[in-house]
């Protein structure tokens, strides 16, 4: 479970998160929606421990991300938005390095790398340099690294952004497969993605939660979430403090 309580984040004079609170329960895919600049990526980075909030708290399966960082991050796999870096390494080299960083015993590393390469269908590409791979294959590598230590919680920030339709379908099928025994928080600007894969949906704007509910309760008679999303965003006229 992910528990976010009273998050505030300020960058200089700009207030990005405003008393943000929500939960992502066990065994569910929770979609995290909002317009550009709503604070989605900032929230995801705070949850992952890459940023420290001005105030508030995040707990991952009961562990506080700020005060119990190592224990919290052992529970977590993180796929950042537009992930990049390590381009001179091959997927196999990157996964080997990160397996060591995450403390997997030497005897466990080969099995863990083989498991995620099989899951992400990376075997044919695992010895090519990452900067020689297409965006779709690079995205598979970053999902694979998030799953190396078999985390109970998976945070994915725009995991299908820039992928072609076939790659998007494959990634969504993977998310449905992974949901069985994990908590998944999925940030996306693609409304149909929330419709297809999520059990719960959170909508935020201007750093505040507008709604959190079962996705089925937010769909119209055609099974679409767009009407609810736009109504919430368009009616969000509260003054900024």
Protein backbone atom coordinates (compact mmCIF):
# COMPACT_ATOMS: atom_id res chain seq x y z
CA UNK A 1 0.00 0.00 0.00
CA UNK A 2 1.04 3.57 -0.67
CA UNK A 3 -0.14 6.18 1.84
CA UNK A 4 0.34 9.86 1.04
CA UNK A 5 -0.61 12.30 3.78
CA UNK A 6 -0.62 16.07 3.63
CA UNK A 7 2.15 16.52 1.06
CA UNK A 8 3.25 20.07 0.37
CA UNK A 9 6.06 20.98 -2.00
CA UNK A 10 7.42 24.41 -2.79
CA UNK A 11 10.09 25.26 -5.34
CA UNK A 12 11.15 28.82 -4.55
CA UNK A 13 7.95 30.86 -4.59
CA UNK A 14 6.03 28.22 -6.56
CA UNK A 15 3.78 25.90 -4.60
CA UNK A 16 3.53 22.62 -6.50
CA UNK A 17 1.74 20.31 -4.04
CA UNK A 18 -1.00 21.49 -1.69
CA UNK A 19 -1.87 19.23 1.25
CA UNK A 20 -2.03 16.23 -1.09
CA UNK A 21 -3.40 13.03 0.47
CA UNK A 22 -4.44 9.69 -1.04
CA UNK A 23 -3.96 5.94 -0.78
CA UNK A 24 -3.14 3.29 -3.38
CA UNK A 25 -4.33 -0.03 -1.88
CA UNK A 26 -2.78 -3.47 -2.16
CA UNK A 27 -3.51 -5.56 -5.22
CA UNK A 28 -4.86 -2.65 -7.23
CA UNK A 29 -3.79 -0.53 -10.17
CA UNK A 30 -4.40 3.09 -9.23
CA UNK A 31 -4.37 5.58 -12.11
CA UNK A 32 -2.99 9.02 -11.29
CA UNK A 33 -4.47 11.61 -13.66
CA UNK A 34 -4.18 15.34 -14.09
CA UNK A 35 -3.37 18.03 -16.66
CA UNK A 36 0.20 19.07 -17.40
CA UNK A 37 1.67 20.88 -14.41
CA UNK A 38 -0.77 19.31 -11.94
CA UNK A 39 2.04 17.86 -9.81
CA UNK A 40 1.91 14.22 -10.88
CA UNK A 41 5.62 13.69 -11.57
CA UNK A 42 6.62 15.65 -8.47
CA UNK A 43 4.38 13.42 -6.37
CA UNK A 44 5.83 10.27 -7.95
CA UNK A 45 9.38 11.46 -7.25
CA UNK A 46 8.52 12.16 -3.63
CA UNK A 47 7.00 8.69 -3.29
CA UNK A 48 10.13 7.15 -4.81
CA UNK A 49 12.39 9.14 -2.48
CA UNK A 50 14.05 11.19 -5.23
CA UNK A 51 12.58 14.40 -3.81
CA UNK A 52 11.88 15.37 -0.20
CA UNK A 53 8.57 17.17 0.34
CA UNK A 54 8.41 20.49 2.16
CA UNK A 55 5.98 18.82 4.57
CA UNK A 56 3.81 15.74 4.83
CA UNK A 57 4.59 12.02 4.76
CA UNK A 58 4.65 9.01 2.46
CA UNK A 59 4.57 5.40 3.66
CA UNK A 60 5.27 2.36 1.49
CA UNK A 61 3.84 -0.79 3.07
CA UNK A 62 4.11 0.95 6.43
CA UNK A 63 7.66 2.30 6.01
CA UNK A 64 8.18 6.06 6.01
CA UNK A 65 10.00 7.16 2.84
CA UNK A 66 11.90 9.93 4.63
CA UNK A 67 12.78 8.36 7.99
CA UNK A 68 12.96 4.70 6.87
CA UNK A 69 14.20 5.30 3.35
CA UNK A 70 16.11 2.05 2.82
CA UNK A 71 13.28 -0.16 4.09
CA UNK A 72 10.70 1.79 2.06
CA UNK A 73 12.73 1.61 -1.14
CA UNK A 74 13.21 -2.14 -0.74
CA UNK A 75 9.45 -2.38 -1.19
CA UNK A 76 9.41 -0.18 -4.28
CA UNK A 77 10.11 -0.45 -8.00
CA UNK A 78 10.16 2.87 -9.85
CA UNK A 79 9.85 3.59 -13.58
CA UNK A 80 10.60 7.31 -14.04
CA UNK A 81 9.09 9.49 -16.74
CA UNK A 82 11.19 9.61 -19.93
CA UNK A 83 13.84 7.42 -18.32
CA UNK A 84 17.31 7.89 -19.79
CA UNK A 85 20.94 7.36 -18.93
CA UNK A 86 23.46 4.48 -18.92
CA UNK A 87 23.37 4.55 -22.72
CA UNK A 88 26.83 3.04 -23.08
CA UNK A 89 25.81 -0.07 -21.13
CA UNK A 90 23.89 -3.04 -22.44
CA UNK A 91 20.65 -4.06 -20.70
CA UNK A 92 22.47 -7.06 -19.21
CA UNK A 93 25.22 -4.81 -17.82
CA UNK A 94 22.75 -2.30 -16.39
CA UNK A 95 20.64 -5.00 -14.77
CA UNK A 96 23.76 -6.64 -13.29
CA UNK A 97 24.92 -3.32 -11.86
CA UNK A 98 21.52 -2.48 -10.37
CA UNK A 99 21.15 -5.98 -8.92
CA UNK A 100 24.33 -5.31 -6.96
CA UNK A 101 23.17 -1.83 -5.93
CA UNK A 102 19.92 -3.31 -4.62
CA UNK A 103 21.80 -5.83 -2.53
CA UNK A 104 20.85 -9.03 -4.32
CA UNK A 105 23.22 -11.83 -3.33
CA UNK A 106 25.58 -12.97 -6.06
CA UNK A 107 23.81 -16.32 -6.31
CA UNK A 108 20.45 -14.57 -6.85
CA UNK A 109 21.47 -12.07 -9.52
CA UNK A 110 21.55 -14.36 -12.54
CA UNK A 111 18.10 -15.76 -11.79
CA UNK A 112 16.66 -12.28 -11.17
CA UNK A 113 18.11 -10.90 -14.42
CA UNK A 114 16.89 -13.93 -16.35
CA UNK A 115 13.40 -13.56 -14.86
CA UNK A 116 12.97 -9.90 -15.83
CA UNK A 117 14.53 -10.39 -19.28
CA UNK A 118 12.06 -13.20 -19.93
CA UNK A 119 9.16 -11.14 -18.60
CA UNK A 120 10.07 -8.14 -20.76
CA UNK A 121 11.16 -10.25 -23.76
CA UNK A 122 14.61 -8.65 -23.62
CA UNK A 123 16.80 -11.65 -24.32
CA UNK A 124 17.36 -10.81 -28.00
CA UNK A 125 18.40 -7.24 -27.12
CA UNK A 126 20.20 -7.69 -23.80
CA UNK A 127 23.71 -7.39 -25.27
CA UNK A 128 23.14 -4.29 -27.43
CA UNK A 129 24.02 -0.88 -26.05
CA UNK A 130 21.01 0.90 -24.62
CA UNK A 131 21.59 4.02 -26.72
CA UNK A 132 21.31 1.81 -29.83
CA UNK A 133 17.84 0.58 -28.85
CA UNK A 134 14.53 2.08 -29.93
CA UNK A 135 12.48 3.99 -27.37
CA UNK A 136 10.16 1.02 -26.92
CA UNK A 137 13.03 -1.31 -26.10
CA UNK A 138 14.63 1.24 -23.77
CA UNK A 139 11.32 1.51 -21.94
CA UNK A 140 11.29 -2.26 -21.50
CA UNK A 141 14.74 -2.06 -19.94
CA UNK A 142 13.56 0.52 -17.40
CA UNK A 143 10.52 -1.53 -16.48
CA UNK A 144 12.80 -4.57 -16.13
CA UNK A 145 15.11 -2.77 -13.70
CA UNK A 146 12.13 -1.76 -11.56
CA UNK A 147 11.15 -5.43 -11.22
CA UNK A 148 14.61 -6.85 -10.49
CA UNK A 149 14.09 -7.19 -6.74
CA UNK A 150 10.46 -8.35 -7.15
CA UNK A 151 8.98 -5.34 -5.31
CA UNK A 152 5.54 -5.35 -3.71
CA UNK A 153 4.86 -1.79 -4.92
CA UNK A 154 5.41 -0.48 -8.44
CA UNK A 155 5.33 3.23 -9.32
CA UNK A 156 5.20 3.97 -13.05
CA UNK A 157 5.36 7.54 -14.35
CA UNK A 158 3.97 7.79 -17.92
CA UNK A 159 5.20 4.28 -18.85
CA UNK A 160 3.65 4.29 -22.36
CA UNK A 161 4.57 7.86 -23.33
CA UNK A 162 6.00 7.92 -26.85
CA UNK A 163 5.39 4.23 -27.54
CA UNK A 164 3.65 3.04 -30.69
CA UNK A 165 0.16 1.46 -30.44
CA UNK A 166 1.50 -2.11 -30.32
CA UNK A 167 4.02 -1.25 -27.61
CA UNK A 168 1.32 0.54 -25.62
CA UNK A 169 -0.93 -2.52 -25.80
CA UNK A 170 1.93 -4.78 -24.69
CA UNK A 171 2.79 -2.51 -21.76
CA UNK A 172 -0.85 -2.37 -20.63
CA UNK A 173 -1.08 -6.16 -20.82
CA UNK A 174 2.05 -6.35 -18.66
CA UNK A 175 0.52 -3.99 -16.09
CA UNK A 176 -2.59 -6.17 -15.91
CA UNK A 177 -0.34 -9.20 -15.42
CA UNK A 178 1.70 -7.54 -12.66
CA UNK A 179 -1.33 -6.31 -10.72
CA UNK A 180 -2.06 -9.78 -9.33
CA UNK A 181 0.23 -9.49 -6.31
CA UNK A 182 1.38 -5.87 -6.36
CA UNK A 183 0.27 -2.36 -5.62
CA UNK A 184 0.68 -0.29 -8.81
CA UNK A 185 0.48 3.49 -9.04
CA UNK A 186 0.33 4.54 -12.68
CA UNK A 187 0.70 8.18 -13.69
CA UNK A 188 -0.64 8.85 -17.17
CA UNK A 189 -2.11 11.60 -19.32
CA UNK A 190 -3.83 9.01 -21.53
CA UNK A 191 -7.38 8.68 -20.25
CA UNK A 192 -8.05 5.42 -22.07
CA UNK A 193 -5.16 3.89 -20.15
CA UNK A 194 -6.99 4.51 -16.87
CA UNK A 195 -10.15 3.02 -18.36
CA UNK A 196 -8.36 -0.12 -19.52
CA UNK A 197 -6.10 -1.05 -16.63
CA UNK A 198 -7.01 0.74 -13.40
CA UNK A 199 -9.15 -0.34 -10.47
CA UNK A 200 -9.03 3.09 -8.82
CA UNK A 201 -8.45 6.58 -10.18
CA UNK A 202 -7.08 9.73 -8.55
CA UNK A 203 -7.48 13.05 -10.35
CA UNK A 204 -5.37 16.02 -9.27
CA UNK A 205 -5.03 19.61 -10.42
CA UNK A 206 -2.87 22.45 -9.13
CA UNK A 207 -1.26 20.06 -6.63
CA UNK A 208 -4.57 19.04 -4.99
CA UNK A 209 -6.69 15.90 -5.11
CA UNK A 210 -10.02 16.53 -6.84
CA UNK A 211 -11.31 12.97 -6.54
CA UNK A 212 -10.20 9.46 -5.62
CA UNK A 213 -12.65 6.66 -6.29
CA UNK A 214 -13.18 3.31 -7.96
CA UNK A 215 -12.63 3.81 -11.67
CA UNK A 216 -15.97 2.18 -12.43
CA UNK A 217 -17.73 4.96 -10.51
CA UNK A 218 -16.16 7.61 -12.75
CA UNK A 219 -17.09 6.13 -16.11
CA UNK A 220 -20.01 7.30 -18.24
CA UNK A 221 -22.52 5.00 -19.92
CA UNK A 222 -20.03 4.40 -22.74
CA UNK A 223 -17.33 3.28 -20.32
CA UNK A 224 -15.33 6.49 -20.73
CA UNK A 225 -13.73 8.63 -18.05
CA UNK A 226 -13.23 11.77 -20.16
CA UNK A 227 -16.49 13.47 -19.16
CA UNK A 228 -15.75 13.13 -15.44
CA UNK A 229 -12.14 14.21 -15.90
CA UNK A 230 -13.00 17.36 -17.85
CA UNK A 231 -15.86 18.25 -15.52
CA UNK A 232 -13.52 18.07 -12.53
CA UNK A 233 -10.77 20.06 -14.19
CA UNK A 234 -13.13 22.68 -15.65
CA UNK A 235 -14.93 23.20 -12.34
CA UNK A 236 -11.74 23.48 -10.31
CA UNK A 237 -12.01 27.23 -9.75
CA UNK A 238 -11.03 27.41 -6.09
CA UNK A 239 -8.62 30.25 -5.32
CA UNK A 240 -4.96 29.40 -4.86
CA UNK A 241 -3.68 30.29 -1.40
